Amino acid sequence: MVIDANLWPGGDFADYLAVSLDRDGSAVDAVLLRHRHVMAGWRNLLWAVLDGGQGEQMPLTDPRVVKIVDRAALTL
């Protein structure tokens, strides 16, 4: 799973996009967690994603999801 933050200008909050990848590096799920505090620990973000009800499902074709998958592919 890759979690990417999009910081809000001038604030202490961010939108976090979590993308679950399979072993081949392809996206299988994407969830957007809106307006979370930037000091949120990775465990809190992970549980929010796994909970399922705390995020907004994103299409795997969304450009933000594709960008994360492309960046992750560079590290595989």
N, C-alpha and C. Protein backbone atom coordinates (compact mmCIF):
# COMPACT_ATOMS: atom_id res chain seq x y z
N MET A 1 0.84 -1.17 0.00
CA MET A 1 0.00 0.00 0.00
C MET A 1 0.90 1.24 0.00
N VAL A 2 0.52 2.19 -0.81
CA VAL A 2 1.24 3.47 -0.88
C VAL A 2 0.27 4.55 -0.44
N ILE A 3 0.71 5.40 0.48
CA ILE A 3 -0.11 6.52 0.93
C ILE A 3 0.61 7.82 0.55
N ASP A 4 -0.09 8.67 -0.17
CA ASP A 4 0.47 9.93 -0.65
C ASP A 4 -0.35 11.08 -0.10
N ALA A 5 0.31 12.14 0.33
CA ALA A 5 -0.37 13.29 0.91
C ALA A 5 -0.39 14.45 -0.07
N ASN A 6 -1.52 15.13 -0.11
CA ASN A 6 -1.65 16.37 -0.86
C ASN A 6 -1.95 17.45 0.17
N LEU A 7 -0.92 18.22 0.55
CA LEU A 7 -1.07 19.21 1.61
C LEU A 7 -1.97 20.36 1.20
N TRP A 8 -2.76 20.79 2.13
CA TRP A 8 -3.60 21.95 1.91
C TRP A 8 -2.73 23.19 2.13
N PRO A 9 -2.81 24.18 1.27
CA PRO A 9 -1.98 25.38 1.44
C PRO A 9 -2.28 26.12 2.74
N GLY A 10 -1.23 26.39 3.50
CA GLY A 10 -1.36 27.21 4.70
C GLY A 10 -2.09 26.55 5.84
N GLY A 11 -2.16 25.25 5.87
CA GLY A 11 -2.89 24.60 6.95
C GLY A 11 -2.17 23.38 7.49
N ASP A 12 -2.80 22.80 8.48
CA ASP A 12 -2.23 21.62 9.12
C ASP A 12 -2.96 20.35 8.71
N PHE A 13 -3.64 20.39 7.58
CA PHE A 13 -4.43 19.24 7.15
C PHE A 13 -4.05 18.84 5.73
N ALA A 14 -4.33 17.61 5.41
CA ALA A 14 -4.01 17.09 4.08
C ALA A 14 -5.07 16.08 3.67
N ASP A 15 -5.16 15.87 2.35
CA ASP A 15 -5.90 14.74 1.82
C ASP A 15 -4.88 13.64 1.58
N TYR A 16 -5.20 12.44 2.01
CA TYR A 16 -4.30 11.30 1.82
C TYR A 16 -4.93 10.33 0.85
N LEU A 17 -4.20 9.96 -0.17
CA LEU A 17 -4.66 8.99 -1.14
C LEU A 17 -3.90 7.69 -0.90
N ALA A 18 -4.62 6.64 -0.55
CA ALA A 18 -4.01 5.34 -0.29
C ALA A 18 -4.34 4.41 -1.45
N VAL A 19 -3.30 3.84 -2.05
CA VAL A 19 -3.47 2.94 -3.18
C VAL A 19 -2.91 1.57 -2.80
N SER A 20 -3.74 0.56 -2.88
CA SER A 20 -3.30 -0.81 -2.62
C SER A 20 -2.82 -1.41 -3.94
N LEU A 21 -1.64 -2.03 -3.88
CA LEU A 21 -1.03 -2.61 -5.07
C LEU A 21 -0.94 -4.12 -4.92
N ASP A 22 -1.04 -4.83 -6.05
CA ASP A 22 -0.81 -6.27 -6.01
C ASP A 22 0.69 -6.53 -6.17
N ARG A 23 1.07 -7.78 -6.22
CA ARG A 23 2.50 -8.13 -6.30
C ARG A 23 3.17 -7.63 -7.57
N ASP A 24 2.37 -7.43 -8.61
CA ASP A 24 2.92 -6.95 -9.88
C ASP A 24 3.00 -5.43 -9.95
N GLY A 25 2.52 -4.76 -8.90
CA GLY A 25 2.55 -3.31 -8.87
C GLY A 25 1.34 -2.65 -9.50
N SER A 26 0.31 -3.42 -9.78
CA SER A 26 -0.93 -2.86 -10.34
C SER A 26 -1.86 -2.45 -9.21
N ALA A 27 -2.56 -1.36 -9.40
CA ALA A 27 -3.51 -0.88 -8.39
C ALA A 27 -4.71 -1.81 -8.32
N VAL A 28 -5.12 -2.14 -7.10
CA VAL A 28 -6.32 -2.96 -6.90
C VAL A 28 -7.40 -2.21 -6.14
N ASP A 29 -7.03 -1.12 -5.47
CA ASP A 29 -7.99 -0.35 -4.69
C ASP A 29 -7.38 1.03 -4.41
N ALA A 30 -8.22 2.04 -4.36
CA ALA A 30 -7.75 3.39 -4.04
C ALA A 30 -8.79 4.08 -3.18
N VAL A 31 -8.34 4.68 -2.08
CA VAL A 31 -9.22 5.35 -1.13
C VAL A 31 -8.65 6.73 -0.82
N LEU A 32 -9.52 7.74 -0.84
CA LEU A 32 -9.12 9.10 -0.50
C LEU A 32 -9.63 9.42 0.90
N LEU A 33 -8.72 9.78 1.79
CA LEU A 33 -9.06 10.22 3.15
C LEU A 33 -8.95 11.73 3.15
N ARG A 34 -10.06 12.40 3.31
CA ARG A 34 -10.08 13.86 3.19
C ARG A 34 -9.82 14.55 4.53
N HIS A 35 -9.09 15.65 4.42
CA HIS A 35 -8.89 16.61 5.50
C HIS A 35 -8.44 15.96 6.82
N ARG A 36 -7.34 15.25 6.76
CA ARG A 36 -6.75 14.63 7.95
C ARG A 36 -5.59 15.50 8.44
N HIS A 37 -5.37 15.50 9.72
CA HIS A 37 -4.28 16.28 10.28
C HIS A 37 -2.94 15.73 9.78
N VAL A 38 -2.02 16.62 9.46
CA VAL A 38 -0.73 16.18 8.92
C VAL A 38 0.10 15.40 9.93
N MET A 39 -0.23 15.51 11.20
CA MET A 39 0.51 14.77 12.21
C MET A 39 -0.13 13.40 12.48
N ALA A 40 -1.11 13.02 11.68
CA ALA A 40 -1.73 11.70 11.84
C ALA A 40 -0.66 10.64 11.61
N GLY A 41 -0.60 9.69 12.49
CA GLY A 41 0.38 8.62 12.36
C GLY A 41 0.00 7.66 11.25
N TRP A 42 0.98 6.96 10.72
CA TRP A 42 0.72 6.04 9.63
C TRP A 42 -0.24 4.93 10.06
N ARG A 43 -0.21 4.56 11.32
CA ARG A 43 -1.14 3.52 11.79
C ARG A 43 -2.59 4.01 11.74
N ASN A 44 -2.80 5.26 12.13
CA ASN A 44 -4.15 5.83 12.07
C ASN A 44 -4.66 5.89 10.63
N LEU A 45 -3.78 6.27 9.71
CA LEU A 45 -4.17 6.32 8.31
C LEU A 45 -4.45 4.92 7.77
N LEU A 46 -3.59 3.97 8.13
CA LEU A 46 -3.78 2.60 7.67
C LEU A 46 -5.11 2.04 8.17
N TRP A 47 -5.41 2.24 9.45
CA TRP A 47 -6.68 1.73 9.98
C TRP A 47 -7.88 2.43 9.34
N ALA A 48 -7.74 3.70 9.03
CA ALA A 48 -8.83 4.42 8.35
C ALA A 48 -9.09 3.82 6.97
N VAL A 49 -8.02 3.45 6.28
CA VAL A 49 -8.17 2.83 4.97
C VAL A 49 -8.79 1.43 5.11
N LEU A 50 -8.27 0.66 6.04
CA LEU A 50 -8.76 -0.71 6.22
C LEU A 50 -10.19 -0.76 6.72
N ASP A 51 -10.59 0.26 7.48
CA ASP A 51 -11.95 0.34 8.00
C ASP A 51 -12.97 0.42 6.87
N GLY A 52 -12.58 1.08 5.80
CA GLY A 52 -13.44 1.14 4.63
C GLY A 52 -14.50 2.23 4.66
N GLY A 53 -15.06 2.54 5.81
CA GLY A 53 -16.11 3.54 5.88
C GLY A 53 -15.60 4.95 6.05
N GLN A 54 -14.31 5.12 6.24
CA GLN A 54 -13.78 6.44 6.52
C GLN A 54 -13.20 7.14 5.30
N GLY A 55 -13.23 6.49 4.16
CA GLY A 55 -12.65 7.09 2.98
C GLY A 55 -13.60 7.07 1.81
N GLU A 56 -13.20 7.75 0.77
CA GLU A 56 -13.97 7.86 -0.47
C GLU A 56 -13.28 7.00 -1.53
N GLN A 57 -13.99 6.02 -2.08
CA GLN A 57 -13.41 5.18 -3.12
C GLN A 57 -13.04 6.03 -4.33
N MET A 58 -11.88 5.77 -4.88
CA MET A 58 -11.41 6.49 -6.07
C MET A 58 -11.31 5.51 -7.24
N PRO A 59 -11.64 5.96 -8.45
CA PRO A 59 -11.45 5.08 -9.61
C PRO A 59 -9.96 4.85 -9.87
N LEU A 60 -9.63 3.64 -10.26
CA LEU A 60 -8.22 3.32 -10.51
C LEU A 60 -7.65 4.07 -11.71
N THR A 61 -8.53 4.65 -12.51
CA THR A 61 -8.08 5.42 -13.68
C THR A 61 -7.88 6.90 -13.36
N ASP A 62 -8.17 7.31 -12.13
CA ASP A 62 -7.96 8.71 -11.73
C ASP A 62 -6.48 9.06 -11.91
N PRO A 63 -6.17 10.22 -12.48
CA PRO A 63 -4.78 10.59 -12.73
C PRO A 63 -3.90 10.57 -11.48
N ARG A 64 -4.47 10.89 -10.32
CA ARG A 64 -3.68 10.85 -9.08
C ARG A 64 -3.29 9.43 -8.71
N VAL A 65 -4.20 8.49 -8.94
CA VAL A 65 -3.91 7.08 -8.66
C VAL A 65 -2.85 6.57 -9.64
N VAL A 66 -3.02 6.88 -10.91
CA VAL A 66 -2.06 6.46 -11.94
C VAL A 66 -0.67 7.00 -11.62
N LYS A 67 -0.58 8.23 -11.16
CA LYS A 67 0.72 8.84 -10.82
C LYS A 67 1.39 8.07 -9.68
N ILE A 68 0.64 7.68 -8.68
CA ILE A 68 1.20 6.93 -7.55
C ILE A 68 1.69 5.56 -8.03
N VAL A 69 0.88 4.90 -8.85
CA VAL A 69 1.27 3.58 -9.37
C VAL A 69 2.54 3.69 -10.19
N ASP A 70 2.64 4.73 -11.02
CA ASP A 70 3.84 4.93 -11.85
C ASP A 70 5.07 5.16 -10.98
N ARG A 71 4.92 5.96 -9.92
CA ARG A 71 6.05 6.21 -9.03
C ARG A 71 6.46 4.94 -8.29
N ALA A 72 5.48 4.15 -7.87
CA ALA A 72 5.77 2.91 -7.16
C ALA A 72 6.48 1.92 -8.08
N ALA A 73 6.13 1.92 -9.37
CA ALA A 73 6.75 1.01 -10.33
C ALA A 73 8.24 1.28 -10.47
N LEU A 74 8.63 2.53 -10.27
CA LEU A 74 10.05 2.88 -10.37
C LEU A 74 10.87 2.27 -9.24
N THR A 75 10.22 1.96 -8.12
CA THR A 75 10.95 1.42 -6.97
C THR A 75 10.90 -0.10 -6.92
N LEU A 76 10.09 -0.73 -7.78
CA LEU A 76 9.99 -2.20 -7.75
C LEU A 76 11.14 -2.84 -8.48
